[in-house]
Amino acid sequence: MLDHDNTLDLTFQALADASRRAMLVRLAQGPASVSALAQPLAMSLQAVMQHLSVLESAGLVRTEKAGRVRTCRIEPQALSLAERWINQRRHEWEGHLDRLGEYLASLPPEGDLHDDSK
């Protein structure tokens, strides 16, 4: 469980940054070079490399170097742990809300609590 917790922490840490999410969105379309990923971002190539390092550490991205070009690919299955965690929480929250709705529906209408006309 601790390994899953660490992996989940790294995944959410990686996803917490808008620039890294933008890189993942681009990589979802297909592999791209680091320079292609850097082009739409307002940051240095070194900053892009640091962001890619975070994504690689989380297992969300894999890079390969061929000559002078480093190509990045998304690892879509890496998101499955986070997706399962979110879906489990959603299921729990929906259950709590369903029970709250049932409880609220079982309460008498507000006017019936203190009916002084009797």
N, C-alpha and C. Protein backbone atom coordinates (compact mmCIF):
# COMPACT_ATOMS: atom_id res chain seq x y z
N MET A 1 0.82 -1.21 0.00
CA MET A 1 0.00 0.00 0.00
C MET A 1 0.86 1.26 0.00
N LEU A 2 1.98 1.25 0.72
CA LEU A 2 2.83 2.43 0.77
C LEU A 2 3.37 2.78 -0.61
N ASP A 3 3.72 1.77 -1.42
CA ASP A 3 4.22 2.03 -2.77
C ASP A 3 3.13 2.69 -3.60
N HIS A 4 1.89 2.21 -3.46
CA HIS A 4 0.78 2.82 -4.19
C HIS A 4 0.58 4.26 -3.73
N ASP A 5 0.69 4.50 -2.43
CA ASP A 5 0.54 5.86 -1.91
C ASP A 5 1.60 6.78 -2.50
N ASN A 6 2.85 6.31 -2.57
CA ASN A 6 3.93 7.12 -3.12
C ASN A 6 3.68 7.39 -4.60
N THR A 7 3.28 6.38 -5.34
CA THR A 7 2.99 6.55 -6.76
C THR A 7 1.84 7.53 -6.95
N LEU A 8 0.81 7.40 -6.15
CA LEU A 8 -0.33 8.30 -6.23
C LEU A 8 0.09 9.73 -5.89
N ASP A 9 0.91 9.89 -4.86
CA ASP A 9 1.41 11.22 -4.49
C ASP A 9 2.18 11.85 -5.64
N LEU A 10 3.06 11.07 -6.27
CA LEU A 10 3.85 11.59 -7.39
C LEU A 10 2.96 11.95 -8.57
N THR A 11 1.94 11.15 -8.82
CA THR A 11 1.02 11.43 -9.93
C THR A 11 0.27 12.72 -9.69
N PHE A 12 -0.30 12.88 -8.50
CA PHE A 12 -1.05 14.11 -8.22
C PHE A 12 -0.13 15.32 -8.17
N GLN A 13 1.08 15.16 -7.67
CA GLN A 13 2.05 16.26 -7.67
C GLN A 13 2.34 16.68 -9.11
N ALA A 14 2.53 15.71 -9.99
CA ALA A 14 2.81 16.02 -11.38
C ALA A 14 1.62 16.71 -12.04
N LEU A 15 0.42 16.27 -11.72
CA LEU A 15 -0.78 16.84 -12.33
C LEU A 15 -1.17 18.20 -11.75
N ALA A 16 -0.53 18.58 -10.65
CA ALA A 16 -0.90 19.82 -9.96
C ALA A 16 -0.46 21.07 -10.73
N ASP A 17 0.42 20.92 -11.70
CA ASP A 17 0.95 22.07 -12.41
C ASP A 17 0.31 22.18 -13.80
N ALA A 18 -0.15 23.37 -14.14
CA ALA A 18 -0.83 23.60 -15.42
C ALA A 18 0.08 23.34 -16.62
N SER A 19 1.35 23.68 -16.51
CA SER A 19 2.28 23.45 -17.63
C SER A 19 2.47 21.96 -17.88
N ARG A 20 2.56 21.19 -16.81
CA ARG A 20 2.71 19.74 -16.97
C ARG A 20 1.44 19.12 -17.55
N ARG A 21 0.28 19.62 -17.11
CA ARG A 21 -0.97 19.12 -17.69
C ARG A 21 -1.04 19.46 -19.17
N ALA A 22 -0.58 20.65 -19.55
CA ALA A 22 -0.57 21.05 -20.96
C ALA A 22 0.34 20.12 -21.77
N MET A 23 1.46 19.74 -21.19
CA MET A 23 2.37 18.81 -21.87
C MET A 23 1.69 17.46 -22.07
N LEU A 24 0.97 16.99 -21.06
CA LEU A 24 0.27 15.71 -21.18
C LEU A 24 -0.83 15.78 -22.24
N VAL A 25 -1.53 16.89 -22.30
CA VAL A 25 -2.57 17.05 -23.32
C VAL A 25 -1.95 16.97 -24.70
N ARG A 26 -0.82 17.64 -24.88
CA ARG A 26 -0.14 17.60 -26.18
C ARG A 26 0.34 16.18 -26.49
N LEU A 27 0.91 15.50 -25.49
CA LEU A 27 1.43 14.15 -25.71
C LEU A 27 0.32 13.13 -25.94
N ALA A 28 -0.88 13.43 -25.50
CA ALA A 28 -2.01 12.54 -25.75
C ALA A 28 -2.31 12.47 -27.25
N GLN A 29 -1.88 13.47 -28.00
CA GLN A 29 -2.06 13.49 -29.46
C GLN A 29 -0.98 12.66 -30.17
N GLY A 30 0.11 12.35 -29.46
CA GLY A 30 1.19 11.58 -30.06
C GLY A 30 2.53 12.05 -29.53
N PRO A 31 3.59 11.30 -29.81
CA PRO A 31 4.93 11.66 -29.33
C PRO A 31 5.34 13.04 -29.84
N ALA A 32 6.20 13.70 -29.06
CA ALA A 32 6.69 15.03 -29.44
C ALA A 32 8.10 15.22 -28.89
N SER A 33 8.86 16.03 -29.56
CA SER A 33 10.20 16.37 -29.07
C SER A 33 10.06 17.38 -27.94
N VAL A 34 11.12 17.49 -27.17
CA VAL A 34 11.12 18.45 -26.05
C VAL A 34 10.92 19.86 -26.59
N SER A 35 11.57 20.18 -27.70
CA SER A 35 11.43 21.53 -28.26
C SER A 35 10.00 21.79 -28.73
N ALA A 36 9.33 20.76 -29.26
CA ALA A 36 7.93 20.93 -29.66
C ALA A 36 7.04 21.15 -28.45
N LEU A 37 7.34 20.47 -27.34
CA LEU A 37 6.57 20.68 -26.11
C LEU A 37 6.82 22.07 -25.54
N ALA A 38 8.04 22.55 -25.68
CA ALA A 38 8.41 23.85 -25.11
C ALA A 38 7.83 25.01 -25.91
N GLN A 39 7.60 24.82 -27.19
CA GLN A 39 7.21 25.92 -28.07
C GLN A 39 6.01 26.74 -27.57
N PRO A 40 4.90 26.13 -27.19
CA PRO A 40 3.76 26.97 -26.77
C PRO A 40 3.86 27.48 -25.32
N LEU A 41 4.86 27.02 -24.58
CA LEU A 41 4.98 27.40 -23.18
C LEU A 41 5.91 28.60 -23.02
N ALA A 42 5.55 29.49 -22.15
CA ALA A 42 6.37 30.68 -21.89
C ALA A 42 7.40 30.37 -20.81
N MET A 43 8.36 29.49 -21.17
CA MET A 43 9.42 29.14 -20.22
C MET A 43 10.64 28.66 -20.98
N SER A 44 11.74 28.59 -20.28
CA SER A 44 12.98 28.16 -20.91
C SER A 44 12.96 26.66 -21.16
N LEU A 45 13.85 26.23 -22.04
CA LEU A 45 13.98 24.81 -22.33
C LEU A 45 14.40 24.05 -21.07
N GLN A 46 15.23 24.67 -20.24
CA GLN A 46 15.65 24.05 -18.98
C GLN A 46 14.45 23.84 -18.06
N ALA A 47 13.55 24.80 -17.99
CA ALA A 47 12.34 24.66 -17.16
C ALA A 47 11.45 23.54 -17.70
N VAL A 48 11.34 23.45 -19.01
CA VAL A 48 10.55 22.38 -19.62
C VAL A 48 11.15 21.02 -19.24
N MET A 49 12.48 20.92 -19.29
CA MET A 49 13.15 19.67 -18.91
C MET A 49 12.87 19.32 -17.45
N GLN A 50 12.83 20.31 -16.58
CA GLN A 50 12.52 20.04 -15.17
C GLN A 50 11.09 19.53 -15.03
N HIS A 51 10.17 20.11 -15.75
CA HIS A 51 8.78 19.64 -15.71
C HIS A 51 8.69 18.21 -16.25
N LEU A 52 9.40 17.94 -17.32
CA LEU A 52 9.41 16.58 -17.87
C LEU A 52 10.00 15.58 -16.89
N SER A 53 10.98 16.01 -16.14
CA SER A 53 11.58 15.14 -15.11
C SER A 53 10.54 14.75 -14.07
N VAL A 54 9.71 15.69 -13.67
CA VAL A 54 8.63 15.41 -12.71
C VAL A 54 7.64 14.42 -13.31
N LEU A 55 7.28 14.64 -14.57
CA LEU A 55 6.34 13.73 -15.24
C LEU A 55 6.94 12.33 -15.40
N GLU A 56 8.23 12.26 -15.68
CA GLU A 56 8.90 10.96 -15.79
C GLU A 56 8.97 10.25 -14.44
N SER A 57 9.28 11.00 -13.39
CA SER A 57 9.35 10.42 -12.04
C SER A 57 8.01 9.84 -11.62
N ALA A 58 6.94 10.46 -12.06
CA ALA A 58 5.60 9.97 -11.74
C ALA A 58 5.18 8.83 -12.66
N GLY A 59 5.98 8.54 -13.68
CA GLY A 59 5.66 7.47 -14.61
C GLY A 59 4.64 7.86 -15.67
N LEU A 60 4.36 9.15 -15.78
CA LEU A 60 3.35 9.61 -16.74
C LEU A 60 3.90 9.81 -18.14
N VAL A 61 5.22 9.98 -18.23
CA VAL A 61 5.87 10.24 -19.51
C VAL A 61 7.13 9.40 -19.60
N ARG A 62 7.43 8.98 -20.80
CA ARG A 62 8.69 8.26 -21.07
C ARG A 62 9.40 9.03 -22.17
N THR A 63 10.72 9.21 -22.02
CA THR A 63 11.49 9.90 -23.04
C THR A 63 12.57 8.98 -23.59
N GLU A 64 12.88 9.22 -24.86
CA GLU A 64 13.94 8.47 -25.53
C GLU A 64 14.80 9.48 -26.29
N LYS A 65 16.10 9.26 -26.23
CA LYS A 65 17.00 10.16 -26.95
C LYS A 65 17.56 9.44 -28.16
N ALA A 66 17.41 10.07 -29.32
CA ALA A 66 17.97 9.56 -30.56
C ALA A 66 18.81 10.68 -31.17
N GLY A 67 20.11 10.55 -31.08
CA GLY A 67 20.99 11.63 -31.52
C GLY A 67 20.84 12.83 -30.61
N ARG A 68 20.48 13.95 -31.18
CA ARG A 68 20.32 15.17 -30.37
C ARG A 68 18.86 15.45 -30.03
N VAL A 69 17.97 14.58 -30.45
CA VAL A 69 16.53 14.81 -30.24
C VAL A 69 16.01 13.89 -29.15
N ARG A 70 15.37 14.49 -28.15
CA ARG A 70 14.72 13.72 -27.09
C ARG A 70 13.22 13.74 -27.39
N THR A 71 12.68 12.54 -27.58
CA THR A 71 11.25 12.39 -27.89
C THR A 71 10.51 11.91 -26.65
N CYS A 72 9.36 12.51 -26.41
CA CYS A 72 8.55 12.19 -25.23
C CYS A 72 7.27 11.48 -25.67
N ARG A 73 6.86 10.52 -24.86
CA ARG A 73 5.61 9.78 -25.09
C ARG A 73 4.85 9.70 -23.77
N ILE A 74 3.55 9.79 -23.89
CA ILE A 74 2.71 9.66 -22.70
C ILE A 74 2.59 8.18 -22.34
N GLU A 75 2.45 7.91 -21.07
CA GLU A 75 2.22 6.55 -20.56
C GLU A 75 0.80 6.54 -19.99
N PRO A 76 -0.21 6.34 -20.83
CA PRO A 76 -1.61 6.49 -20.38
C PRO A 76 -1.99 5.56 -19.24
N GLN A 77 -1.43 4.36 -19.18
CA GLN A 77 -1.80 3.44 -18.11
C GLN A 77 -1.34 3.95 -16.74
N ALA A 78 -0.39 4.88 -16.72
CA ALA A 78 0.09 5.41 -15.45
C ALA A 78 -1.00 6.21 -14.73
N LEU A 79 -1.95 6.71 -15.46
CA LEU A 79 -3.05 7.46 -14.84
C LEU A 79 -4.11 6.56 -14.23
N SER A 80 -4.04 5.26 -14.49
CA SER A 80 -5.10 4.36 -14.04
C SER A 80 -5.20 4.28 -12.52
N LEU A 81 -4.07 4.35 -11.81
CA LEU A 81 -4.11 4.31 -10.35
C LEU A 81 -4.84 5.53 -9.80
N ALA A 82 -4.53 6.70 -10.34
CA ALA A 82 -5.21 7.93 -9.90
C ALA A 82 -6.69 7.88 -10.26
N GLU A 83 -6.98 7.36 -11.44
CA GLU A 83 -8.38 7.24 -11.87
C GLU A 83 -9.16 6.31 -10.94
N ARG A 84 -8.57 5.18 -10.58
CA ARG A 84 -9.24 4.25 -9.66
C ARG A 84 -9.47 4.92 -8.30
N TRP A 85 -8.46 5.65 -7.80
CA TRP A 85 -8.59 6.32 -6.50
C TRP A 85 -9.72 7.34 -6.54
N ILE A 86 -9.77 8.13 -7.60
CA ILE A 86 -10.83 9.14 -7.74
C ILE A 86 -12.19 8.47 -7.84
N ASN A 87 -12.30 7.40 -8.62
CA ASN A 87 -13.58 6.71 -8.77
C ASN A 87 -14.05 6.08 -7.46
N GLN A 88 -13.12 5.55 -6.67
CA GLN A 88 -13.49 5.01 -5.35
C GLN A 88 -14.03 6.12 -4.46
N ARG A 89 -13.37 7.28 -4.45
CA ARG A 89 -13.86 8.41 -3.64
C ARG A 89 -15.22 8.86 -4.13
N ARG A 90 -15.41 8.94 -5.45
CA ARG A 90 -16.69 9.37 -6.01
C ARG A 90 -17.80 8.42 -5.57
N HIS A 91 -17.52 7.13 -5.63
CA HIS A 91 -18.52 6.13 -5.22
C HIS A 91 -18.88 6.33 -3.74
N GLU A 92 -17.86 6.54 -2.89
CA GLU A 92 -18.12 6.76 -1.46
C GLU A 92 -18.94 8.03 -1.25
N TRP A 93 -18.56 9.12 -1.92
CA TRP A 93 -19.27 10.40 -1.76
C TRP A 93 -20.70 10.29 -2.25
N GLU A 94 -20.92 9.60 -3.37
CA GLU A 94 -22.28 9.44 -3.87
C GLU A 94 -23.12 8.64 -2.88
N GLY A 95 -22.50 7.63 -2.24
CA GLY A 95 -23.22 6.86 -1.22
C GLY A 95 -23.62 7.72 -0.04
N HIS A 96 -22.69 8.57 0.40
CA HIS A 96 -22.99 9.48 1.52
C HIS A 96 -24.11 10.45 1.14
N LEU A 97 -24.04 10.99 -0.06
CA LEU A 97 -25.08 11.93 -0.49
C LEU A 97 -26.43 11.25 -0.65
N ASP A 98 -26.42 10.01 -1.14
CA ASP A 98 -27.68 9.26 -1.25
C ASP A 98 -28.31 9.06 0.13
N ARG A 99 -27.48 8.67 1.11
CA ARG A 99 -28.01 8.47 2.46
C ARG A 99 -28.50 9.79 3.06
N LEU A 100 -27.80 10.88 2.80
CA LEU A 100 -28.25 12.18 3.28
C LEU A 100 -29.58 12.54 2.64
N GLY A 101 -29.71 12.30 1.35
CA GLY A 101 -30.97 12.58 0.66
C GLY A 101 -32.12 11.77 1.22
N GLU A 102 -31.86 10.49 1.50
CA GLU A 102 -32.90 9.63 2.10
C GLU A 102 -33.30 10.14 3.48
N TYR A 103 -32.30 10.55 4.27
CA TYR A 103 -32.58 11.07 5.61
C TYR A 103 -33.42 12.35 5.53
N LEU A 104 -33.00 13.26 4.66
CA LEU A 104 -33.74 14.51 4.53
C LEU A 104 -35.16 14.28 4.03
N ALA A 105 -35.34 13.32 3.15
CA ALA A 105 -36.68 13.00 2.64
C ALA A 105 -37.56 12.39 3.73
N SER A 106 -36.93 11.75 4.73
CA SER A 106 -37.71 11.11 5.79
C SER A 106 -38.15 12.11 6.87
N LEU A 107 -37.58 13.29 6.89
CA LEU A 107 -37.97 14.29 7.89
C LEU A 107 -39.35 14.84 7.58
N PRO A 108 -40.12 15.13 8.63
CA PRO A 108 -41.44 15.72 8.38
C PRO A 108 -41.28 17.12 7.81
N PRO A 109 -42.27 17.57 7.05
CA PRO A 109 -42.19 18.94 6.52
C PRO A 109 -42.05 19.92 7.67
N GLU A 110 -41.45 21.04 7.41
CA GLU A 110 -41.12 22.01 8.45
C GLU A 110 -42.35 22.46 9.24
N GLY A 111 -43.47 22.65 8.60
CA GLY A 111 -44.69 23.11 9.27
C GLY A 111 -45.26 22.08 10.23
N ASP A 112 -44.96 20.81 10.07
CA ASP A 112 -45.54 19.75 10.90
C ASP A 112 -44.84 19.61 12.24
N LEU A 113 -43.69 20.22 12.44
CA LEU A 113 -42.94 20.06 13.69
C LEU A 113 -43.67 20.69 14.89
N HIS A 114 -44.25 21.84 14.68
CA HIS A 114 -44.90 22.55 15.80
C HIS A 114 -46.29 23.00 15.36
N ASP A 115 -47.16 22.07 15.21
CA ASP A 115 -48.52 22.37 14.77
C ASP A 115 -49.34 22.78 16.00
N ASP A 116 -49.53 24.12 16.18
CA ASP A 116 -50.22 24.64 17.36
C ASP A 116 -51.73 24.70 17.19
N SER A 117 -52.27 24.30 16.06
CA SER A 117 -53.72 24.40 15.83
C SER A 117 -54.49 23.31 16.55
N LYS A 118 -53.82 22.32 17.13
CA LYS A 118 -54.53 21.22 17.78
C LYS A 118 -54.82 21.50 19.21
